[in-house]
Structure formats: C-alpha cells, structure tokens
Amino acid sequence: MVDTARPFLVVYIVWHPNFDLGPKVAKALFEHFRRENYERITGGTGISVVYRFAIADGTKRPLPIDFSSAETSAVIVLADQQFSKDPIWTSYLEEIVAQTAATGLATRLFPVAMDAGVLDALKLDEQALRWFKWKGSLADLTATLIGHLTYQFCRMLRHYLEHLRRPGETREALRGYLKKVDIFLSHSKHDPNDAGERIAKAIRKQLTTRDGLDSFFDVYDIPPGVKFQDVLLSQIEVSAVVAIHTDSFSSREWCRREIIEAKRHHRPLVIANCISDKDERGFPYLGNVPIIRLDDRKLTRVDVVIRALLDEILRDFLWQCRVELMRPKASPGVTFLPRPPELISLAALVPATEGEPTIIVYPDPPLGAEEQRLFHDIASHIQLRSATEWLAGAVR
C-alpha cells in the first residue's frame, strides 16, 4: 500500500561536525534540489533535503534516520578524514549500511570520498563517488556531484515508479534499476561549418566517456539494415532529447519532425541554443522547455546542457510518480502533461467519454491569462488545470 502523504524521495546529507567543507556542499545540494524547478513538479517544497551532522540531545550519537518517512531515501555521506577516524560516526555509518541493506532498492547509500584514503578506512562495499579525484573550483566540484546524484535519484524513482505500476513484482529489480536512459541528439548535418555534427559529437563524448555517465546514458545510434525513419521515430518515443539548435536546424524536415514527435510523446527535452548568425524561420515548437546557451565554437558549456537534461529527466520521473498517485481520482477525459500545455498538446489528448469534460492537468503554476485565452479561442471545450487546481476540485 502506497502512503500518498509521504514524499517520493528524501535526501539525507551526513557529514562530521568538524568538517569545514560539509556545510558548504550540503547547502549547494539543498538549494539545487529544493528549488522552484522541483517544487512545481512535486506540488510541495521540492525534493526534501535533511541534514545529519549534529549529535542528538542527551546522547553521544548523531540524530537517527527514519527511512519509513518516505517512499525512497538517499543518504549522501560526505566522508573526510575526521569522519573515518571518529568511532561514533563510523559506527553511525555502519547502522546506515545495515538499514539500507534491509530496505532493498528503496533506500540507497552514496558515499562521497572527500579525501584520499577514507574508503579503505571505512571498508564500504558500496561504490563511492571520488570527490578527491575531481578537478576544478568548489562550484565545479559541487556541480559535478549534483550531476552524479541526479541520475542516481532518477534510477531510484524509476524503480519506485515500477513499484507503483506493478506492485509486488520484484523479479529482476536490480537489472531494471541499472537500465540506461536513451538519449537522442537531434541535430542538422547541413550547417556551413558542420556546427551541428561537431556539437553533437562533443555532447556524445561527454556522455559516453565522463566518469559514471556512460553507465546511465545510452546515446542512440541507428544500426545498418533498418529503415531510418521507422527506427528513428520509434526511438524518440522512449528517449530524452537534446535539440542542437544551429542556424540550419529549423530548415531541416527531419529535425522538425524529431521535435514534434518528442513533444507529442512528452519526452524530456532540452534545447542547446547554438545559433551563430541567424535562424531564418524559428521553429515554433522549440519553446516551452529549458533553453541553454552553448557557443558553437568554444563548447565550454556542454556540462551545463547535460545537467539541464538530467534535471528534466528527474522532473519527468517525479511527475510520473505523482501522476500514478493522482490517476485514481481521474475520469477518462483527463490528460496529464509533464509541462505547461501548448497548442501542440491538443494533438495528444485522451478522448473524453460522452458527458465527461476534457481536462488537461499540468504542473503548477497555472498558465497566464494570455495563454489561457488563446487556448479558449482555439479549443473552448478544453479545461486547463494546474495539478493543485485539479486536485482541489477532485476532492470536493
């Protein structure tokens, strides 16, 4: 039985009270996962992030963790030399290891080795993230950590989503947990300076060679001997998509078709804006999703594009989980969308039964009055409701 009052995911961040870097890293994680981007999807305060660095009053033990308070829980341990040498905190970690092992894939422990040598001292079986090997400023390192954690949270929510859809089925759970997410790089091969292909190769290289990403992402290739268009359109239905918007992108029929199919199937989508001069006719369906500026020459922001895509994939899993819990309240004429509706959304509506209204439910906040008027002028029979608005009406 799923408790609809419990959050889908709670993130616990554990560090030794004398570790000076701990509060700074924890704050960066808190601010990222509690931000507005996730609040709109979850209908609350974003992903819950809880600190564990203090000793409980009247004891010599750190505050305990109640894993029953959420459907899934992630424990991030920022392990430095002080942590590994303090018997109170190493004993606390042993308890967390035992607790997570008892809950299966619903709870995951993610050790972060902040200093060299701590993993040998802690003797953990869990694969650790090796912060001490990464390069860059503190902002760069925390951004890298956020990226790693985001795709692990995606895995956790995908596992939870399967539990919602098929409760009681645990066979091959680990194999499903480790399944890769397909990525489709939509790009034009007709730019004068080969910008589209060059940028696609740079993103692909980052996805397939950077530590950890190749275990989560599978960048799609069309194998020889199959029909190009059939396989391509089929793949987009199940992929997260990066659209590399170069000068010639909007003029290419297949680029336009790829974006339309991604929108029709509500796929996670990020636009990499790589215009170097001008787009003669901007394609109208490239909006309503995150747009990241990417210089077509320097390519210094490929990481930013990938992190935006990771955020979109995580938002998509969060929304799917929320929809599964809202669906029992829905009549046949209700369509759930993972982003605010646009006119292309009308192409994917679930037909209402006779006498039932046709309703589109989407993440908060409500659309502005100007967009609602446009929808009303074109399809006056469609009701638009943010999730909060719809739930308020559904429970009356």
Protein backbone atom coordinates (compact mmCIF):
# COMPACT_ATOMS: atom_id res chain seq x y z
CA MET A 1 0.00 0.00 0.00
CA VAL A 2 1.41 3.38 -1.01
CA ASP A 3 1.08 6.20 1.51
CA THR A 4 0.17 9.23 -0.60
CA ALA A 5 1.08 11.58 2.28
CA ARG A 6 4.73 10.51 2.25
CA PRO A 7 7.22 12.20 -0.10
CA PHE A 8 8.54 10.20 -3.05
CA LEU A 9 12.15 10.94 -2.20
CA VAL A 10 14.01 12.29 0.84
CA VAL A 11 17.72 13.07 0.63
CA TYR A 12 19.82 12.89 3.81
CA ILE A 13 23.24 14.56 3.83
CA VAL A 14 25.62 13.27 6.51
CA TRP A 15 28.93 14.85 7.50
CA HIS A 16 31.20 15.13 10.53
CA PRO A 17 30.53 18.30 12.57
CA ASN A 18 34.22 19.32 12.32
CA PHE A 19 34.34 19.05 8.53
CA ASP A 20 34.51 22.67 7.36
CA LEU A 21 33.50 21.92 3.77
CA GLY A 22 30.45 19.89 4.81
CA PRO A 23 28.00 22.81 5.31
CA LYS A 24 29.01 24.42 2.01
CA VAL A 25 28.49 21.26 -0.04
CA ALA A 26 25.26 20.44 1.81
CA LYS A 27 23.91 23.95 1.16
CA ALA A 28 24.62 23.62 -2.59
CA LEU A 29 22.72 20.31 -2.69
CA PHE A 30 19.87 21.75 -0.63
CA GLU A 31 19.48 24.80 -2.86
CA HIS A 32 19.53 22.73 -6.05
CA PHE A 33 17.02 20.04 -5.11
CA ARG A 34 14.67 22.31 -3.16
CA ARG A 35 14.46 24.94 -5.88
CA GLU A 36 11.36 26.06 -7.74
CA ASN A 37 12.03 23.76 -10.68
CA TYR A 38 11.20 20.74 -8.50
CA GLU A 39 8.57 22.44 -6.33
CA ARG A 40 6.30 22.80 -9.35
CA ILE A 41 6.52 19.10 -10.12
CA THR A 42 6.12 17.71 -6.61
CA GLY A 43 3.43 20.16 -5.54
CA GLY A 44 5.33 20.94 -2.34
CA THR A 45 8.79 22.17 -1.41
CA GLY A 46 10.72 20.21 -3.99
CA ILE A 47 12.75 17.17 -3.01
CA SER A 48 13.14 17.01 0.77
CA VAL A 49 16.76 17.51 1.86
CA VAL A 50 17.64 16.78 5.50
CA TYR A 51 20.96 17.40 7.26
CA ARG A 52 22.62 14.94 9.64
CA PHE A 53 25.70 16.44 11.33
CA ALA A 54 24.55 17.15 14.88
CA ILE A 55 24.60 14.97 17.98
CA ALA A 56 21.17 14.20 19.47
CA ASP A 57 20.42 15.98 22.76
CA GLY A 58 21.38 13.96 25.81
CA THR A 59 23.35 11.40 23.80
CA LYS A 60 26.70 10.94 22.11
CA ARG A 61 25.04 9.68 18.94
CA PRO A 62 24.13 11.54 15.73
CA LEU A 63 20.46 12.09 15.03
CA PRO A 64 18.87 8.88 13.68
CA ILE A 65 17.30 8.49 10.25
CA ASP A 66 13.74 7.23 9.89
CA PHE A 67 13.59 5.58 6.49
CA SER A 68 9.87 4.89 6.87
CA SER A 69 9.11 8.61 6.44
CA ALA A 70 9.50 8.46 2.63
CA GLU A 71 8.83 6.07 -0.23
CA THR A 72 12.50 6.24 -1.25
CA SER A 73 15.50 7.63 0.62
CA ALA A 74 19.02 8.57 -0.44
CA VAL A 75 21.82 9.00 2.08
CA ILE A 76 24.77 11.11 0.94
CA VAL A 77 27.78 10.63 3.24
CA LEU A 78 30.49 13.30 2.85
CA ALA A 79 33.33 11.22 4.25
CA ASP A 80 36.53 13.06 5.17
CA GLN A 81 39.47 12.01 7.33
CA GLN A 82 37.79 13.21 10.54
CA PHE A 83 34.71 11.12 9.77
CA SER A 84 36.76 7.98 9.08
CA LYS A 85 38.75 8.34 12.36
CA ASP A 86 35.80 9.05 14.68
CA PRO A 87 34.34 5.79 16.11
CA ILE A 88 30.98 7.46 16.85
CA TRP A 89 30.50 8.44 13.22
CA THR A 90 31.89 5.22 11.72
CA SER A 91 29.51 3.27 13.98
CA TYR A 92 26.67 5.53 12.78
CA LEU A 93 27.63 4.75 9.19
CA GLU A 94 27.58 1.01 9.93
CA GLU A 95 24.00 1.40 11.18
CA ILE A 96 23.02 3.24 7.99
CA VAL A 97 24.61 0.48 5.88
CA ALA A 98 22.57 -2.15 7.74
CA GLN A 99 19.37 -0.13 7.43
CA THR A 100 19.77 0.48 3.69
CA ALA A 101 20.59 -3.18 3.07
CA ALA A 102 17.34 -4.17 4.81
CA THR A 103 15.16 -1.92 2.64
CA GLY A 104 16.36 -3.11 -0.78
CA LEU A 105 16.44 -0.66 -3.66
CA ALA A 106 14.06 1.75 -1.93
CA THR A 107 16.99 3.18 0.04
CA ARG A 108 20.44 3.93 -1.36
CA LEU A 109 23.68 4.92 0.30
CA PHE A 110 26.02 7.15 -1.72
CA PRO A 111 29.42 7.58 -0.04
CA VAL A 112 31.41 10.59 -1.27
CA ALA A 113 35.14 10.25 -0.62
CA MET A 114 36.16 13.83 0.13
CA ASP A 115 39.74 12.83 0.98
CA ALA A 116 42.04 10.12 -0.35
CA GLY A 117 42.27 7.07 1.90
CA VAL A 118 38.89 7.32 3.63
CA LEU A 119 37.35 4.45 1.65
CA ASP A 120 39.98 1.99 2.87
CA ALA A 121 39.39 3.16 6.43
CA LEU A 122 35.59 2.84 6.18
CA LYS A 123 35.68 -0.53 4.34
CA LEU A 124 32.46 0.07 2.42
CA ASP A 125 31.09 -2.33 -0.18
CA GLU A 126 29.08 0.47 -1.82
CA GLN A 127 30.63 2.10 -4.88
CA ALA A 128 31.76 5.58 -3.87
CA LEU A 129 31.98 8.91 -5.64
CA ARG A 130 35.61 10.07 -5.55
CA TRP A 131 35.40 13.81 -4.96
CA PHE A 132 39.12 13.98 -4.20
CA LYS A 133 39.93 13.00 -7.81
CA TRP A 134 37.78 15.66 -9.49
CA LYS A 135 39.27 18.89 -10.78
CA GLY A 136 38.05 22.49 -10.61
CA SER A 137 36.71 25.08 -8.19
CA LEU A 138 34.33 24.30 -5.33
CA ALA A 139 31.44 25.37 -7.59
CA ASP A 140 32.70 22.99 -10.30
CA LEU A 141 33.04 20.10 -7.85
CA THR A 142 29.59 20.60 -6.33
CA ALA A 143 28.07 20.83 -9.83
CA THR A 144 29.74 17.52 -10.70
CA LEU A 145 28.39 15.94 -7.51
CA ILE A 146 24.89 17.25 -8.25
CA GLY A 147 25.06 15.70 -11.71
CA HIS A 148 26.12 12.30 -10.34
CA LEU A 149 23.43 12.34 -7.67
CA THR A 150 20.70 13.48 -10.06
CA TYR A 151 21.00 10.48 -12.32
CA GLN A 152 21.15 8.15 -9.29
CA PHE A 153 17.93 9.72 -8.00
CA CYS A 154 16.43 9.10 -11.44
CA ARG A 155 17.23 5.42 -11.06
CA MET A 156 15.62 5.32 -7.63
CA LEU A 157 12.44 6.99 -8.84
CA ARG A 158 12.24 4.76 -11.91
CA HIS A 159 12.38 1.76 -9.59
CA TYR A 160 9.68 3.30 -7.37
CA LEU A 161 7.56 4.08 -10.42
CA GLU A 162 7.67 0.42 -11.47
CA HIS A 163 6.56 -0.49 -7.95
CA LEU A 164 3.58 1.86 -8.29
CA ARG A 165 2.60 0.41 -11.65
CA ARG A 166 3.28 -3.25 -10.82
CA PRO A 167 3.22 -3.63 -7.02
CA GLY A 168 4.62 -6.88 -5.71
CA GLU A 169 6.73 -7.65 -8.78
CA THR A 170 10.36 -7.75 -7.62
CA ARG A 171 11.85 -10.05 -10.24
CA GLU A 172 14.88 -8.58 -11.99
CA ALA A 173 14.58 -5.41 -9.90
CA LEU A 174 18.33 -4.70 -9.94
CA ARG A 175 18.52 -5.14 -13.72
CA GLY A 176 15.69 -2.63 -14.14
CA TYR A 177 17.37 -0.26 -11.69
CA LEU A 178 20.57 -0.31 -13.77
CA LYS A 179 18.85 0.09 -17.13
CA LYS A 180 20.23 3.00 -19.12
CA VAL A 181 18.29 6.06 -20.24
CA ASP A 182 18.29 6.52 -24.01
CA ILE A 183 19.49 9.90 -25.27
CA PHE A 184 18.66 11.26 -28.72
CA LEU A 185 20.79 14.10 -30.09
CA SER A 186 18.67 15.93 -32.65
CA HIS A 187 20.93 17.97 -34.94
CA SER A 188 21.33 19.21 -38.50
CA LYS A 189 24.09 17.95 -40.78
CA HIS A 190 23.76 20.94 -43.11
CA ASP A 191 25.47 23.80 -41.30
CA PRO A 192 28.18 25.55 -43.34
CA ASN A 193 30.76 24.95 -40.61
CA ASP A 194 29.45 21.49 -39.60
CA ALA A 195 28.39 23.00 -36.27
CA GLY A 196 25.52 20.57 -35.67
CA GLU A 197 27.63 17.44 -36.08
CA ARG A 198 30.57 18.90 -34.19
CA ILE A 199 28.43 19.87 -31.20
CA ALA A 200 26.61 16.51 -31.23
CA LYS A 201 29.97 14.71 -31.13
CA ALA A 202 31.14 16.87 -28.22
CA ILE A 203 27.99 16.12 -26.20
CA ARG A 204 28.17 12.44 -27.10
CA LYS A 205 31.80 12.26 -25.99
CA GLN A 206 30.94 13.83 -22.65
CA LEU A 207 28.01 11.44 -22.17
CA THR A 208 29.98 8.31 -23.01
CA THR A 209 33.43 9.00 -21.53
CA ARG A 210 32.81 11.03 -18.38
CA ASP A 211 33.01 9.01 -15.18
CA GLY A 212 29.63 7.44 -14.42
CA LEU A 213 27.53 8.96 -17.20
CA ASP A 214 28.20 6.07 -19.59
CA SER A 215 26.60 3.73 -17.04
CA PHE A 216 23.38 5.77 -17.09
CA PHE A 217 23.07 7.15 -20.62
CA ASP A 218 22.91 5.24 -23.88
CA VAL A 219 23.37 7.64 -26.82
CA TYR A 220 21.30 6.25 -29.61
CA ASP A 221 22.68 5.02 -32.93
CA ILE A 222 20.68 3.78 -35.92
CA PRO A 223 22.07 0.34 -36.87
CA PRO A 224 22.63 -0.56 -40.54
CA GLY A 225 19.99 -2.57 -42.37
CA VAL A 226 16.90 -0.97 -40.83
CA LYS A 227 14.50 1.68 -42.09
CA PHE A 228 15.82 5.04 -40.97
CA GLN A 229 12.55 6.84 -40.33
CA ASP A 230 10.74 3.97 -38.62
CA VAL A 231 13.52 3.31 -36.13
CA LEU A 232 14.26 6.99 -35.57
CA LEU A 233 10.68 7.94 -34.72
CA SER A 234 10.27 4.85 -32.56
CA GLN A 235 13.41 5.71 -30.62
CA ILE A 236 12.32 9.27 -29.90
CA GLU A 237 9.19 7.92 -28.18
CA VAL A 238 11.37 6.45 -25.40
CA SER A 239 14.34 8.85 -25.31
CA ALA A 240 15.33 12.04 -23.58
CA VAL A 241 16.19 14.56 -26.30
CA VAL A 242 18.78 17.29 -26.74
CA ALA A 243 17.97 19.56 -29.70
CA ILE A 244 21.10 21.24 -31.02
CA HIS A 245 19.61 24.42 -32.45
CA THR A 246 22.09 25.64 -35.06
CA ASP A 247 21.42 28.05 -37.93
CA SER A 248 20.12 25.34 -40.29
CA PHE A 249 18.18 23.28 -37.71
CA SER A 250 14.72 24.78 -38.34
CA SER A 251 15.06 24.40 -42.11
CA ARG A 252 15.53 20.60 -41.96
CA GLU A 253 12.38 18.50 -42.20
CA TRP A 254 13.70 15.66 -40.06
CA CYS A 255 14.88 17.98 -37.29
CA ARG A 256 11.38 19.46 -37.16
CA ARG A 257 9.78 16.00 -37.14
CA GLU A 258 12.03 14.88 -34.30
CA ILE A 259 10.99 17.79 -32.11
CA ILE A 260 7.29 17.35 -32.93
CA GLU A 261 7.49 13.65 -32.00
CA ALA A 262 9.34 14.46 -28.78
CA LYS A 263 6.62 16.95 -27.87
CA ARG A 264 3.78 14.60 -28.86
CA HIS A 265 5.20 11.87 -26.63
CA HIS A 266 6.05 14.26 -23.77
CA ARG A 267 9.73 13.35 -23.70
CA PRO A 268 12.28 15.21 -21.54
CA LEU A 269 13.68 17.84 -23.90
CA VAL A 270 16.41 20.47 -23.64
CA ILE A 271 17.35 22.99 -26.34
CA ALA A 272 21.03 23.83 -26.80
CA ASN A 273 20.94 27.27 -28.43
CA CYS A 274 23.94 27.28 -30.79
CA ILE A 275 22.85 29.98 -33.25
CA SER A 276 25.97 31.65 -34.64
CA ASP A 277 24.31 34.15 -37.01
CA LYS A 278 20.55 33.81 -37.50
CA ASP A 279 17.69 31.36 -37.94
CA GLU A 280 15.63 32.39 -40.98
CA ARG A 281 12.43 30.93 -39.55
CA GLY A 282 12.50 29.92 -35.93
CA PHE A 283 10.67 26.61 -35.46
CA PRO A 284 7.64 27.33 -33.21
CA TYR A 285 7.83 24.08 -31.20
CA LEU A 286 11.32 24.72 -29.80
CA GLY A 287 9.83 26.59 -26.85
CA ASN A 288 8.20 25.64 -23.54
CA VAL A 289 11.33 23.71 -22.45
CA PRO A 290 14.72 24.71 -20.96
CA ILE A 291 16.99 26.56 -23.39
CA ILE A 292 20.73 26.57 -22.68
CA ARG A 293 23.15 28.86 -24.49
CA LEU A 294 26.04 26.86 -25.98
CA ASP A 295 28.74 28.60 -28.01
CA ASP A 296 29.17 26.60 -31.22
CA ARG A 297 32.94 27.24 -31.21
CA LYS A 298 34.12 27.12 -27.59
CA LEU A 299 31.74 24.38 -26.37
CA THR A 300 32.62 25.23 -22.77
CA ARG A 301 29.06 24.69 -21.51
CA VAL A 302 28.44 21.10 -22.57
CA ASP A 303 28.31 20.15 -18.87
CA VAL A 304 25.57 22.74 -18.33
CA VAL A 305 23.49 21.20 -21.13
CA ILE A 306 23.93 17.71 -19.67
CA ARG A 307 22.99 18.84 -16.17
CA ALA A 308 19.87 20.57 -17.55
CA LEU A 309 18.95 17.31 -19.27
CA LEU A 310 19.48 15.37 -16.05
CA ASP A 311 17.17 17.81 -14.25
CA GLU A 312 14.50 17.32 -16.91
CA ILE A 313 14.74 13.53 -16.64
CA LEU A 314 14.44 13.70 -12.85
CA ARG A 315 11.48 16.09 -13.12
CA ASP A 316 9.86 13.66 -15.54
CA PHE A 317 10.21 10.73 -13.14
CA LEU A 318 8.89 12.83 -10.24
CA TRP A 319 5.90 13.88 -12.32
CA GLN A 320 5.18 10.30 -13.45
CA CYS A 321 5.20 9.19 -9.81
CA ARG A 322 2.80 11.97 -8.88
CA VAL A 323 0.52 11.14 -11.80
CA GLU A 324 0.30 7.50 -10.73
CA LEU A 325 -0.97 8.65 -7.34
CA MET A 326 -3.41 11.16 -8.89
CA ARG A 327 -4.71 8.82 -11.59
CA PRO A 328 -7.31 7.00 -9.41
CA LYS A 329 -9.09 10.36 -8.99
CA ALA A 330 -9.18 10.99 -12.74
CA SER A 331 -12.08 10.49 -15.12
CA PRO A 332 -11.44 9.11 -18.65
CA GLY A 333 -11.27 12.61 -20.12
CA VAL A 334 -8.26 13.76 -18.08
CA THR A 335 -4.84 14.06 -19.72
CA PHE A 336 -1.74 14.60 -17.56
CA LEU A 337 1.10 16.59 -19.12
CA PRO A 338 4.64 16.90 -17.66
CA ARG A 339 5.00 20.57 -18.69
CA PRO A 340 2.64 23.52 -19.17
CA PRO A 341 0.35 22.88 -22.16
CA GLU A 342 0.91 24.48 -25.55
CA LEU A 343 -1.17 24.19 -28.69
CA ILE A 344 0.66 21.05 -29.85
CA SER A 345 -0.63 19.41 -26.66
CA LEU A 346 -4.05 19.19 -28.32
CA ALA A 347 -2.62 16.50 -30.63
CA ALA A 348 -2.17 14.03 -27.76
CA LEU A 349 -5.41 14.41 -25.81
CA VAL A 350 -7.16 11.41 -24.32
CA PRO A 351 -10.73 11.49 -25.73
CA ALA A 352 -13.39 12.03 -23.10
CA THR A 353 -16.36 9.70 -22.77
CA GLU A 354 -19.77 11.13 -23.55
CA GLY A 355 -20.76 13.69 -20.93
CA GLU A 356 -17.27 13.91 -19.42
CA PRO A 357 -15.26 17.14 -19.75
CA THR A 358 -11.87 17.14 -21.50
CA ILE A 359 -9.29 18.33 -18.98
CA ILE A 360 -5.54 18.93 -19.24
CA VAL A 361 -3.71 18.71 -15.90
CA TYR A 362 -0.15 20.02 -15.73
CA PRO A 363 2.45 21.04 -13.08
CA ASP A 364 1.99 24.29 -11.17
CA PRO A 365 1.78 27.24 -11.51
CA PRO A 366 -1.34 27.95 -13.60
CA LEU A 367 -0.89 29.32 -17.11
CA GLY A 368 -1.05 33.08 -17.54
CA ALA A 369 -4.34 34.62 -18.65
CA GLU A 370 -2.97 35.40 -22.14
CA GLU A 371 -2.18 31.71 -22.83
CA GLN A 372 -5.48 30.55 -21.38
CA ARG A 373 -7.36 32.96 -23.67
CA LEU A 374 -5.54 31.55 -26.69
CA PHE A 375 -6.50 28.01 -25.74
CA HIS A 376 -10.10 29.07 -25.21
CA ASP A 377 -10.25 30.74 -28.63
CA ILE A 378 -8.98 27.58 -30.36
CA ALA A 379 -10.48 24.81 -28.21
CA SER A 380 -13.15 26.22 -25.89
CA HIS A 381 -14.21 22.71 -24.79
CA ILE A 382 -10.80 22.08 -23.16
CA GLN A 383 -10.38 22.82 -19.45
CA LEU A 384 -6.87 23.71 -18.30
CA ARG A 385 -6.00 22.96 -14.66
CA SER A 386 -2.72 23.05 -12.78
CA ALA A 387 -2.27 19.98 -10.59
CA THR A 388 -3.14 21.92 -7.44
CA GLU A 389 -6.27 23.39 -9.03
CA TRP A 390 -7.39 19.99 -10.33
CA LEU A 391 -6.77 18.18 -7.04
CA ALA A 392 -8.74 20.85 -5.16
CA GLY A 393 -11.71 20.20 -7.46
CA ALA A 394 -11.29 16.42 -7.45
CA VAL A 395 -11.60 16.09 -3.67
CA ARG A 396 -14.72 18.23 -3.31
